[in-house]
Each structure stands twice: as structure tokens, then as C-alpha cells.
Amino acid sequence: METEMDVAVIGISHKTADVAVREQIAVAENEQVALANLITGNFENSGCMVLSTCNRTEIYFSGKAAQENVDEVRRIINSFKNTDCFSNPEISYTFRGIKAVQHFFKVISSLDSQIVGETQITCQVKAAYDVAHDAHFTDDILNKLQNFGLQVEKKVRSETFLTDGAVSISFAAVEMARKIFQNLQDKNVLLIGAGETAELAAFHFRDKKVASINVVKRTASKAKNLAGRFGGQAFGLEQMDRALEKTDIVITATSSREFVLHRQQVEQMAQRRNYKPLFLIDIAIPRDIDPTCAAIDGVFLFNLDDLEVIVAKNLERRRTEIPKAERIIEGYIKEFVRWYQTRPVTETITRLNRHFEKVRRSEFDRLKKRFPEETWKEVDYLTRSLMQKYLHDQIMTLRNSVDDPQQRSRYIALVNEIYGLESVESKGENNEKI
């Protein structure tokens, strides 16, 4: 697949730099347009898209900017961010041509993410593209790259297990609850304590439309703020029994040195529920829930180690899917290269059709008064049909030259010379989402 393509990327990511550097070089959304404007303004007929997340800042550019001007683009980025990071080979990277396309496909399908298979990156790429496109900084190359990238992501997600299974402790808790209860919408969740992981789990449960999320903290007043974020009730530790009355799922994350939930309390809960499933998630160190509670009928108790085992298994499963995802990417790289190789032919055919349509239209408008008005429609159809028949062989010759670069170049040059066609279309005509 040796082919020269006018597309490149310069970037810094979690793989090459620590968070302090990534914070320094991040490009805020309101800066993305300004940076793209600087790059495209310096290089005629170029496109640019800026992707900046907590884990990466990457500048994709195409057209003349990506030809022999990569070093100048790097200088512009450094100047814009008042840094020299993008010139430091130890923390920055540059890919051109096929390698840039491959990198973009890996990024948008999450193969290059810190957590392989996470889906947030796809939304972030879409947002970055929309900013660039709406500001008219994308060209046909970046438009097509985005289009193919979305196809890659969709196929990777549907034909591999790369995005399956929880890979965070908080989400693993929710996934386990779904296996136990199947339907979570009528279930009540109780959050005891307020560690970050426990709160994240509570937010995940909220996203699954659970019936309620209540909060227990040392005092009811401290619980109110957190409970308010979930639209639930707040309880103090002295109100624990009341808080547990209608609870189906308990998440504990306190700093207590002793058990917060004892076996007797959990047994009473199980009895009141007629031993219907009760899910207990203990993510505290030291543990909040008496581990012997796991022996009670209907009680499902998971601690931090249990959830970490689940996460590790899911991560390993995702890693085994990487080769399959990479094969999908390779297939789309070939399709993108094929599109890129046909691009000059397609553009020439478009210009050829446009040239002859302009001539036809001009002559029709000049001579139509020689014909009865009621025949204008038929004359218009006739001249259009004649034009298409005349151009048919020339268009087919151009299309058949796609796989022979030398022949293709000769034919394109010949057509441009004979008909005096422009060799480059204006940027504005190439800013449609493909």
C-alpha cells in the first residue's frame, strides 16, 4: 500500500507524556478554531482539525500543509501554545500518509486509549471534527477520514468484544447488579459513605434509571448535599436501620475501622425481603461489611478484590480482541487509500462535467429563443444527453486509469490541458461532510 497522501498528525498523548505536560499543551475548545485558522491560513488549500482531551492533544492537517510543511506546522503549534513540546521527539510524535490514517482509525476506535475499548473518545473525536467542519477548516481529505473513521469504530464495536465488559471498579459494580437483578429500574440503592469510586458507582446506577439513590453519612446534614445530587433521601448513621428498610443494593465506602453493616442487620434485611436478592458492594479498605454476610440466603456480597478480578478479566478479554480490531482497521486503510487514489480522477471528471455543462448552458440560453418555448424542455434534455454521450468515453478512460499512477497522471494532465480546466478546486467546494 505504498502511496503518498497529503495528511499528517502531530500529537502528544498519555503514552508519551505525563499529566503535567498534557495540561500545559491542551487546546481548549475556544482555541481550536484559532489554531486551525493559523495553520490553514499559512498554507493554501489545507485542512485542519484539533483533537484535545485529558489524554491527548493531536493536530490533524491535510493538503499543502501536510506536504513539505510539517516542520512549519509544528512551529506554529509550539508558538500558539508557547511551548517547545511539539518539537521534542521524546514526548511528541508525527505520522504522515498511511501511518497518520492508521493512527486516526486506532484513536477513534479506542485502540490507542488509556483504557482500550472506552467509548468516550469517539464522542470527543466527533466533537472536534464538528468544531473544525462548522468553522470551514476541513477539506475533502479530513471529511473522508472522519467518515471512514466512524465506519471503523462502528465495525470494531459490533464485530469484536473490544468495548464489552466493565473496566472500572464503579462500573463493574453496576454490571454485576444487572446480572443479579436484570432490571434495575425498580431497585433502590443506598450509598453508605462517599468515596470517589462509590460516588461514581452511584452515578452509573442513576444512569440505569434505578428507582432511588439514598445516602447515609456520619450525620444527616453531611449526607444532604450528596443525596441532593441524586434526588434521594439523606440519613445519619444512627438512622441506618430505617435507611436499609427498602434497599435492594448497598454500596459502602466509609473510613470506619469497624464493620458498618453487621451480619445481624443483613439477616434482618434478608428476612424482611423474604430472601429476595440483596446486592452488597463493599469497596472500603478496611472492609465495611462483615464478610460472613455472604453466607446468608439471597445475599450477594462483593468486595474490592472481587470487582478488581472482574475488571482484570474484562481488560484481558479486550486485549485479546485487539488483533481482530487491527485487521478491521487494515481493511479500511486499504479502502481509504483506494479512495485517495481515485480522488484526482474524480475531481477531474467533476471539473470536466462542470466545464461542458457551463458551455452547454451558455449556448442553450443564447439560442433557445430560436425555438418555440414549449420545446425548450426537450431541447434542454437533448443537449444534456448529447453532452453525456460525448463525454462518456473520456470519463471511462479516466476511470480505467485509476490503478496505473503514471497513466492516470498523463490522462489527467491531457484533459486539463485540452480543456483548460483548473487543477485545484476551491476549499469551500470541498467542505461537505462526506
Protein backbone atom coordinates (compact mmCIF):
# COMPACT_ATOMS: atom_id res chain seq x y z
CA MET A 1 0.00 0.00 0.00
CA GLU A 2 2.83 2.42 -0.83
CA THR A 3 1.19 5.71 -1.66
CA GLU A 4 1.84 9.34 -0.85
CA MET A 5 -1.07 11.04 0.88
CA ASP A 6 -1.30 14.66 1.94
CA VAL A 7 -2.44 14.02 5.50
CA ALA A 8 -0.47 14.17 8.75
CA VAL A 9 -0.85 14.32 12.52
CA ILE A 10 1.34 15.87 15.21
CA GLY A 11 0.50 14.90 18.78
CA ILE A 12 1.29 14.23 22.41
CA SER A 13 -0.62 11.65 24.45
CA HIS A 14 -0.73 9.66 27.68
CA LYS A 15 1.68 7.23 26.04
CA THR A 16 4.39 9.84 25.64
CA ALA A 17 3.90 12.50 28.35
CA ASP A 18 2.73 12.82 31.94
CA VAL A 19 -0.35 14.75 33.01
CA ALA A 20 1.60 17.94 33.79
CA VAL A 21 2.77 18.18 30.18
CA ARG A 22 -0.66 17.25 28.80
CA GLU A 23 -2.24 20.02 30.87
CA GLN A 24 0.28 22.52 29.53
CA ILE A 25 -0.31 21.76 25.85
CA ALA A 26 -4.10 21.14 25.95
CA VAL A 27 -6.08 23.21 23.44
CA ALA A 28 -9.39 24.47 24.81
CA GLU A 29 -12.44 24.33 22.53
CA ASN A 30 -12.42 28.10 22.06
CA GLU A 31 -8.74 27.84 20.98
CA GLN A 32 -9.25 25.07 18.44
CA VAL A 33 -10.69 27.34 15.77
CA ALA A 34 -7.91 29.90 16.29
CA LEU A 35 -5.17 27.26 15.90
CA ALA A 36 -6.82 25.70 12.84
CA ASN A 37 -7.13 29.18 11.33
CA LEU A 38 -3.41 29.81 11.84
CA ILE A 39 -2.43 26.55 10.16
CA THR A 40 -4.80 26.76 7.19
CA GLY A 41 -4.13 30.47 6.82
CA ASN A 42 -0.44 29.79 6.27
CA PHE A 43 -0.98 27.05 3.69
CA GLU A 44 -3.42 27.46 0.82
CA ASN A 45 -5.84 24.59 0.17
CA SER A 46 -5.22 22.88 3.51
CA GLY A 47 -7.48 21.38 6.14
CA CYS A 48 -7.05 21.15 9.91
CA MET A 49 -8.75 19.53 12.91
CA VAL A 50 -7.65 19.83 16.55
CA LEU A 51 -8.40 16.99 18.99
CA SER A 52 -7.65 17.79 22.63
CA THR A 53 -8.74 15.61 25.57
CA CYS A 54 -7.32 14.88 29.03
CA ASN A 55 -5.23 12.10 27.48
CA ARG A 56 -4.09 13.61 24.18
CA THR A 57 -3.67 16.71 22.05
CA GLU A 58 -3.41 15.96 18.34
CA ILE A 59 -3.50 18.23 15.32
CA TYR A 60 -4.58 16.59 12.07
CA PHE A 61 -3.88 18.52 8.88
CA SER A 62 -4.10 17.86 5.16
CA GLY A 63 -3.48 19.30 1.73
CA LYS A 64 -0.49 21.59 1.20
CA ALA A 65 0.20 21.85 4.94
CA ALA A 66 0.92 18.12 5.01
CA GLN A 67 3.22 18.05 2.00
CA GLU A 68 6.63 19.53 2.81
CA ASN A 69 5.48 21.81 5.60
CA VAL A 70 5.22 19.57 8.67
CA ASP A 71 8.09 21.33 10.45
CA GLU A 72 6.44 24.70 9.88
CA VAL A 73 3.13 23.40 11.22
CA ARG A 74 4.98 22.14 14.29
CA ARG A 75 6.48 25.61 14.75
CA ILE A 76 3.01 27.19 14.53
CA ILE A 77 1.62 24.83 17.17
CA ASN A 78 4.55 25.47 19.53
CA SER A 79 4.19 29.22 19.10
CA PHE A 80 0.45 29.07 19.67
CA LYS A 81 0.87 27.15 22.95
CA ASN A 82 4.08 28.98 23.92
CA THR A 83 5.98 25.70 24.27
CA ASP A 84 8.60 23.58 22.55
CA CYS A 85 6.90 20.28 23.46
CA PHE A 86 5.74 19.51 19.91
CA SER A 87 9.39 19.61 18.76
CA ASN A 88 10.55 17.23 21.47
CA PRO A 89 10.79 13.73 19.93
CA GLU A 90 10.74 12.14 23.38
CA ILE A 91 7.17 13.27 24.10
CA SER A 92 5.70 14.13 20.70
CA TYR A 93 5.01 12.08 17.59
CA THR A 94 4.38 12.80 13.93
CA PHE A 95 2.71 10.47 11.44
CA ARG A 96 2.27 11.11 7.74
CA GLY A 97 0.31 9.41 4.98
CA ILE A 98 -0.88 5.88 5.70
CA LYS A 99 0.56 5.94 9.23
CA ALA A 100 -1.50 9.06 10.02
CA VAL A 101 -4.63 7.36 8.71
CA GLN A 102 -3.88 4.22 10.73
CA HIS A 103 -3.31 6.28 13.87
CA PHE A 104 -6.60 8.15 13.45
CA PHE A 105 -8.52 4.89 13.00
CA LYS A 106 -6.92 3.50 16.17
CA VAL A 107 -7.76 6.65 18.10
CA ILE A 108 -11.42 6.86 17.07
CA SER A 109 -11.98 3.13 17.69
CA SER A 110 -10.26 3.39 21.13
CA LEU A 111 -7.34 1.06 20.39
CA ASP A 112 -4.98 3.89 21.35
CA SER A 113 -6.88 4.83 24.52
CA GLN A 114 -5.52 4.53 28.04
CA ILE A 115 -8.36 2.07 28.69
CA VAL A 116 -8.71 0.08 25.47
CA GLY A 117 -12.33 -0.06 24.36
CA GLU A 118 -13.57 3.05 26.18
CA THR A 119 -16.26 4.77 24.12
CA GLN A 120 -15.82 8.38 25.21
CA ILE A 121 -13.05 9.03 22.68
CA THR A 122 -15.42 8.53 19.73
CA CYS A 123 -17.68 11.31 21.00
CA GLN A 124 -14.64 13.52 21.58
CA VAL A 125 -13.41 12.99 18.01
CA LYS A 126 -16.89 13.75 16.66
CA ALA A 127 -16.99 16.98 18.67
CA ALA A 128 -13.53 18.03 17.45
CA TYR A 129 -14.49 17.33 13.85
CA ASP A 130 -17.75 19.27 14.17
CA VAL A 131 -15.88 22.31 15.51
CA ALA A 132 -13.44 22.21 12.59
CA HIS A 133 -16.07 21.50 9.96
CA ASP A 134 -18.53 24.14 11.15
CA ALA A 135 -15.70 26.70 11.00
CA HIS A 136 -14.86 25.54 7.43
CA PHE A 137 -11.42 24.17 8.28
CA THR A 138 -11.93 20.63 6.98
CA ASP A 139 -11.35 19.62 3.37
CA ASP A 140 -12.37 16.55 1.40
CA ILE A 141 -9.45 14.55 2.85
CA LEU A 142 -10.36 15.20 6.50
CA ASN A 143 -14.06 14.78 5.74
CA LYS A 144 -13.42 11.38 4.22
CA LEU A 145 -11.02 10.43 7.01
CA GLN A 146 -13.75 11.16 9.57
CA ASN A 147 -16.34 9.25 7.56
CA PHE A 148 -14.13 6.17 7.28
CA GLY A 149 -13.14 6.50 10.94
CA LEU A 150 -16.76 6.33 12.07
CA GLN A 151 -17.24 3.22 9.93
CA VAL A 152 -14.17 1.65 11.53
CA GLU A 153 -15.42 2.42 15.05
CA LYS A 154 -18.87 1.01 14.30
CA LYS A 155 -17.49 -2.22 12.84
CA VAL A 156 -14.97 -2.70 15.68
CA ARG A 157 -17.74 -2.18 18.24
CA SER A 158 -20.19 -4.55 16.51
CA GLU A 159 -17.80 -7.31 15.42
CA THR A 160 -15.43 -7.53 18.40
CA PHE A 161 -15.72 -7.58 22.18
CA LEU A 162 -13.36 -4.63 22.48
CA THR A 163 -15.94 -2.44 24.21
CA ASP A 164 -17.64 -5.20 26.23
CA GLY A 165 -17.38 -5.67 29.98
CA ALA A 166 -16.76 -3.18 32.76
CA VAL A 167 -13.17 -1.96 33.10
CA SER A 168 -13.63 0.32 36.09
CA ILE A 169 -14.48 -0.69 39.66
CA SER A 170 -17.51 1.62 39.72
CA PHE A 171 -19.00 0.28 36.52
CA ALA A 172 -18.15 -3.33 37.39
CA ALA A 173 -20.43 -2.94 40.41
CA VAL A 174 -23.29 -1.88 38.16
CA GLU A 175 -22.65 -4.69 35.69
CA MET A 176 -22.76 -7.26 38.49
CA ALA A 177 -26.03 -5.80 39.76
CA ARG A 178 -27.53 -6.13 36.30
CA LYS A 179 -26.60 -9.80 36.23
CA ILE A 180 -28.30 -10.34 39.58
CA PHE A 181 -31.43 -8.26 39.01
CA GLN A 182 -31.59 -7.90 35.20
CA ASN A 183 -33.97 -4.95 35.52
CA LEU A 184 -32.66 -2.15 37.77
CA GLN A 185 -35.45 0.38 37.23
CA ASP A 186 -37.47 -0.70 40.27
CA LYS A 187 -34.45 -1.10 42.54
CA ASN A 188 -33.45 1.19 45.43
CA VAL A 189 -29.77 1.96 46.02
CA LEU A 190 -28.20 3.02 49.33
CA LEU A 191 -24.80 4.72 49.37
CA ILE A 192 -23.03 4.50 52.74
CA GLY A 193 -20.05 6.85 52.89
CA ALA A 194 -18.80 8.95 50.00
CA GLY A 195 -15.59 7.71 48.42
CA GLU A 196 -14.96 8.73 44.80
CA THR A 197 -15.41 5.19 43.45
CA ALA A 198 -18.64 4.73 45.39
CA GLU A 199 -20.00 8.03 44.09
CA LEU A 200 -19.10 7.05 40.53
CA ALA A 201 -20.92 3.75 41.01
CA ALA A 202 -23.96 5.66 42.28
CA PHE A 203 -23.89 7.88 39.19
CA HIS A 204 -23.71 4.78 36.98
CA PHE A 205 -26.72 3.36 38.79
CA ARG A 206 -28.56 6.63 38.24
CA ASP A 207 -27.82 6.37 34.52
CA LYS A 208 -29.52 2.95 34.60
CA LYS A 209 -32.70 4.66 35.90
CA VAL A 210 -32.84 2.99 39.33
CA ALA A 211 -35.89 3.91 41.42
CA SER A 212 -33.94 5.83 44.07
CA ILE A 213 -30.47 6.53 45.46
CA ASN A 214 -30.30 7.42 49.15
CA VAL A 215 -27.23 8.36 51.18
CA VAL A 216 -26.02 7.53 54.68
CA LYS A 217 -23.16 9.54 56.22
CA ARG A 218 -21.98 10.10 59.75
CA THR A 219 -24.51 12.89 60.13
CA ALA A 220 -27.65 13.57 58.09
CA SER A 221 -26.51 17.13 57.38
CA LYS A 222 -23.36 15.87 55.64
CA ALA A 223 -25.43 13.42 53.64
CA LYS A 224 -27.85 16.05 52.32
CA ASN A 225 -25.56 17.60 49.73
CA LEU A 226 -24.69 14.27 48.11
CA ALA A 227 -28.25 12.93 48.34
CA GLY A 228 -29.45 16.10 46.62
CA ARG A 229 -27.28 15.32 43.60
CA PHE A 230 -29.13 12.03 43.21
CA GLY A 231 -32.56 13.31 44.17
CA GLY A 232 -32.61 10.93 47.14
CA GLN A 233 -33.01 10.99 50.92
CA ALA A 234 -30.24 11.67 53.45
CA PHE A 235 -29.71 9.68 56.66
CA GLY A 236 -27.27 9.80 59.54
CA LEU A 237 -25.52 6.66 60.79
CA GLU A 238 -27.99 6.46 63.69
CA GLN A 239 -30.78 6.09 61.07
CA MET A 240 -29.13 3.11 59.36
CA ASP A 241 -31.93 0.59 60.03
CA ARG A 242 -34.52 2.97 58.59
CA ALA A 243 -32.36 3.63 55.54
CA LEU A 244 -32.00 -0.12 54.91
CA GLU A 245 -35.72 -0.88 55.03
CA LYS A 246 -36.47 -0.77 51.28
CA THR A 247 -32.96 -1.09 49.91
CA ASP A 248 -32.02 -3.60 47.19
CA ILE A 249 -28.45 -2.51 46.53
CA VAL A 250 -25.97 -1.22 49.13
CA ILE A 251 -22.65 0.47 48.27
CA THR A 252 -20.32 1.08 51.21
CA ALA A 253 -17.18 3.23 51.22
CA THR A 254 -16.50 4.63 54.67
CA SER A 255 -13.25 5.14 56.55
CA SER A 256 -14.55 3.21 59.56
CA ARG A 257 -12.11 0.83 61.30
CA GLU A 258 -15.03 -1.44 62.23
CA PHE A 259 -17.87 -3.05 60.28
CA VAL A 260 -20.65 -0.64 59.35
CA LEU A 261 -23.01 -3.47 58.40
CA HIS A 262 -23.09 -6.49 60.74
CA ARG A 263 -24.42 -9.95 60.00
CA GLN A 264 -27.44 -9.47 62.28
CA GLN A 265 -28.53 -6.34 60.36
CA VAL A 266 -28.17 -8.05 56.99
CA GLU A 267 -30.03 -11.17 58.20
CA GLN A 268 -32.92 -8.95 59.32
CA MET A 269 -32.91 -7.26 55.92
CA ALA A 270 -32.96 -10.64 54.16
CA GLN A 271 -35.89 -11.84 56.30
CA ARG A 272 -37.91 -8.69 55.61
CA ARG A 273 -37.33 -9.24 51.89
CA ASN A 274 -38.36 -12.90 52.06
CA TYR A 275 -34.80 -13.64 50.97
CA LYS A 276 -35.21 -11.93 47.61
CA PRO A 277 -31.80 -10.96 46.12
CA LEU A 278 -29.88 -8.34 48.08
CA PHE A 279 -26.71 -6.94 46.49
CA LEU A 280 -23.96 -5.62 48.79
CA ILE A 281 -20.92 -3.82 47.33
CA ASP A 282 -18.11 -3.21 49.82
CA ILE A 283 -15.38 -1.06 48.29
CA ALA A 284 -13.90 0.18 51.56
CA ILE A 285 -10.45 -0.61 52.96
CA PRO A 286 -10.71 -1.89 55.66
CA ARG A 287 -14.00 -3.58 54.76
CA ASP A 288 -17.33 -2.11 55.89
CA ILE A 289 -19.44 -5.28 55.71
CA ASP A 290 -18.97 -8.45 57.75
CA PRO A 291 -17.77 -10.98 55.12
CA THR A 292 -19.85 -13.76 56.74
CA CYS A 293 -22.91 -11.99 55.30
CA ALA A 294 -22.15 -13.75 52.04
CA ALA A 295 -23.45 -16.98 53.58
CA ILE A 296 -26.96 -15.56 54.06
CA ASP A 297 -29.58 -16.80 51.60
CA GLY A 298 -30.28 -14.29 48.83
CA VAL A 299 -27.30 -12.07 49.73
CA PHE A 300 -24.67 -11.33 47.08
CA LEU A 301 -21.61 -9.70 48.63
CA PHE A 302 -18.73 -8.32 46.54
CA ASN A 303 -15.66 -6.55 47.87
CA LEU A 304 -12.92 -4.54 46.14
CA ASP A 305 -10.85 -7.63 45.33
CA ASP A 306 -13.86 -9.34 43.71
CA LEU A 307 -14.53 -6.33 41.49
CA GLU A 308 -10.87 -5.95 40.56
CA VAL A 309 -10.81 -9.58 39.42
CA ILE A 310 -13.83 -8.85 37.18
CA VAL A 311 -12.16 -5.73 35.78
CA ALA A 312 -8.90 -7.60 35.13
CA LYS A 313 -10.74 -10.38 33.27
CA ASN A 314 -12.63 -7.86 31.16
CA LEU A 315 -9.43 -5.95 30.33
CA GLU A 316 -7.70 -9.17 29.33
CA ARG A 317 -10.66 -10.12 27.16
CA ARG A 318 -10.49 -6.73 25.46
CA ARG A 319 -6.77 -7.15 24.81
CA THR A 320 -7.38 -10.46 23.05
CA GLU A 321 -9.73 -8.61 20.68
CA ILE A 322 -7.06 -6.11 19.59
CA PRO A 323 -5.72 -8.23 16.66
CA LYS A 324 -9.25 -8.60 15.30
CA ALA A 325 -9.81 -4.85 15.57
CA GLU A 326 -6.47 -4.18 13.87
CA ARG A 327 -7.48 -6.39 10.93
CA ILE A 328 -10.66 -4.35 10.57
CA ILE A 329 -8.57 -1.17 10.58
CA GLU A 330 -6.21 -2.54 7.92
CA GLY A 331 -9.20 -3.25 5.67
CA TYR A 332 -10.43 0.33 5.99
CA ILE A 333 -6.95 1.73 5.40
CA LYS A 334 -6.96 -0.05 2.03
CA GLU A 335 -10.37 1.45 1.25
CA PHE A 336 -9.16 4.93 2.21
CA VAL A 337 -6.06 4.54 0.03
CA ARG A 338 -8.26 3.39 -2.84
CA TRP A 339 -10.48 6.46 -2.39
CA TYR A 340 -7.42 8.71 -2.23
CA GLN A 341 -6.01 7.24 -5.44
CA THR A 342 -9.30 7.83 -7.27
CA ARG A 343 -9.61 11.37 -5.90
CA PRO A 344 -7.68 13.15 -8.71
CA VAL A 345 -9.73 11.25 -11.31
CA THR A 346 -13.00 12.07 -9.55
CA GLU A 347 -12.04 15.74 -9.29
CA THR A 348 -11.05 15.85 -12.97
CA ILE A 349 -14.33 14.24 -14.04
CA THR A 350 -16.23 16.75 -11.89
CA ARG A 351 -14.36 19.66 -13.47
CA LEU A 352 -14.87 18.20 -16.95
CA ASN A 353 -18.62 17.84 -16.42
CA ARG A 354 -18.79 21.33 -14.94
CA HIS A 355 -16.88 22.80 -17.89
CA PHE A 356 -19.13 21.22 -20.52
CA GLU A 357 -22.30 21.97 -18.57
CA LYS A 358 -21.27 25.63 -18.48
CA VAL A 359 -20.72 25.63 -22.26
CA ARG A 360 -23.98 23.76 -22.89
CA ARG A 361 -25.97 26.05 -20.62
CA SER A 362 -24.50 29.15 -22.20
CA GLU A 363 -25.30 28.00 -25.72
CA PHE A 364 -28.77 26.86 -24.76
CA ASP A 365 -29.56 30.22 -23.16
CA ARG A 366 -28.16 32.03 -26.22
CA LEU A 367 -30.10 30.05 -28.83
CA LYS A 368 -33.27 28.89 -27.11
CA LYS A 369 -35.30 31.84 -28.41
CA ARG A 370 -34.94 30.35 -31.90
CA PHE A 371 -37.15 27.50 -30.74
CA PRO A 372 -40.77 27.58 -29.59
CA GLU A 373 -40.89 27.95 -25.83
CA GLU A 374 -42.88 24.74 -25.47
CA THR A 375 -39.89 22.80 -26.91
CA TRP A 376 -37.28 24.25 -24.53
CA LYS A 377 -37.58 21.34 -22.11
CA GLU A 378 -36.99 18.82 -24.91
CA VAL A 379 -34.07 20.82 -26.31
CA ASP A 380 -32.53 21.06 -22.86
CA TYR A 381 -32.85 17.30 -22.45
CA LEU A 382 -31.39 16.66 -25.92
CA THR A 383 -28.32 18.84 -25.41
CA ARG A 384 -27.69 17.36 -21.97
CA SER A 385 -27.95 13.83 -23.41
CA LEU A 386 -25.58 14.67 -26.26
CA MET A 387 -23.06 16.11 -23.81
CA GLN A 388 -23.16 13.00 -21.64
CA LYS A 389 -22.69 10.71 -24.65
CA TYR A 390 -19.79 12.80 -25.89
CA LEU A 391 -18.06 12.70 -22.51
CA HIS A 392 -18.75 9.04 -21.80
CA ASP A 393 -15.61 7.60 -23.43
CA GLN A 394 -13.36 10.27 -21.94
CA ILE A 395 -14.78 9.66 -18.45
CA MET A 396 -14.42 5.89 -18.77
CA THR A 397 -10.81 6.30 -19.93
CA LEU A 398 -10.09 8.40 -16.84
CA ARG A 399 -11.78 5.91 -14.51
CA ASN A 400 -9.93 2.96 -16.02
CA SER A 401 -6.60 4.69 -15.35
CA VAL A 402 -7.04 4.67 -11.55
CA ASP A 403 -4.80 1.67 -10.89
CA ASP A 404 -1.95 2.92 -13.07
CA PRO A 405 -0.46 6.06 -11.44
CA GLN A 406 1.64 7.09 -14.47
CA GLN A 407 -1.17 6.62 -16.95
CA ARG A 408 -3.58 8.35 -14.60
CA SER A 409 -1.32 11.39 -14.32
CA ARG A 410 -0.88 11.59 -18.11
CA TYR A 411 -4.62 11.42 -18.78
CA ILE A 412 -5.46 13.99 -16.12
CA ALA A 413 -2.80 16.37 -17.43
CA LEU A 414 -4.01 15.89 -21.01
CA VAL A 415 -7.66 16.60 -20.15
CA ASN A 416 -6.69 19.66 -18.09
CA GLU A 417 -4.55 20.98 -20.95
CA ILE A 418 -7.08 20.36 -23.72
CA TYR A 419 -9.99 21.94 -21.93
CA GLY A 420 -8.12 24.47 -19.82
CA LEU A 421 -9.51 23.08 -16.57
CA GLU A 422 -8.43 24.37 -13.18
CA SER A 423 -6.20 21.88 -11.39
CA VAL A 424 -7.47 22.60 -7.89
CA GLU A 425 -10.99 23.13 -6.66
CA SER A 426 -11.70 25.83 -4.15
CA LYS A 427 -11.61 24.83 -0.47
CA GLY A 428 -15.21 25.86 0.08
CA GLU A 429 -16.43 23.35 -2.50
CA ASN A 430 -14.72 20.57 -0.58
CA ASN A 431 -16.16 21.24 2.86
CA GLU A 432 -19.14 18.92 2.66
CA LYS A 433 -19.41 16.13 5.20
CA ILE A 434 -18.66 13.05 3.11
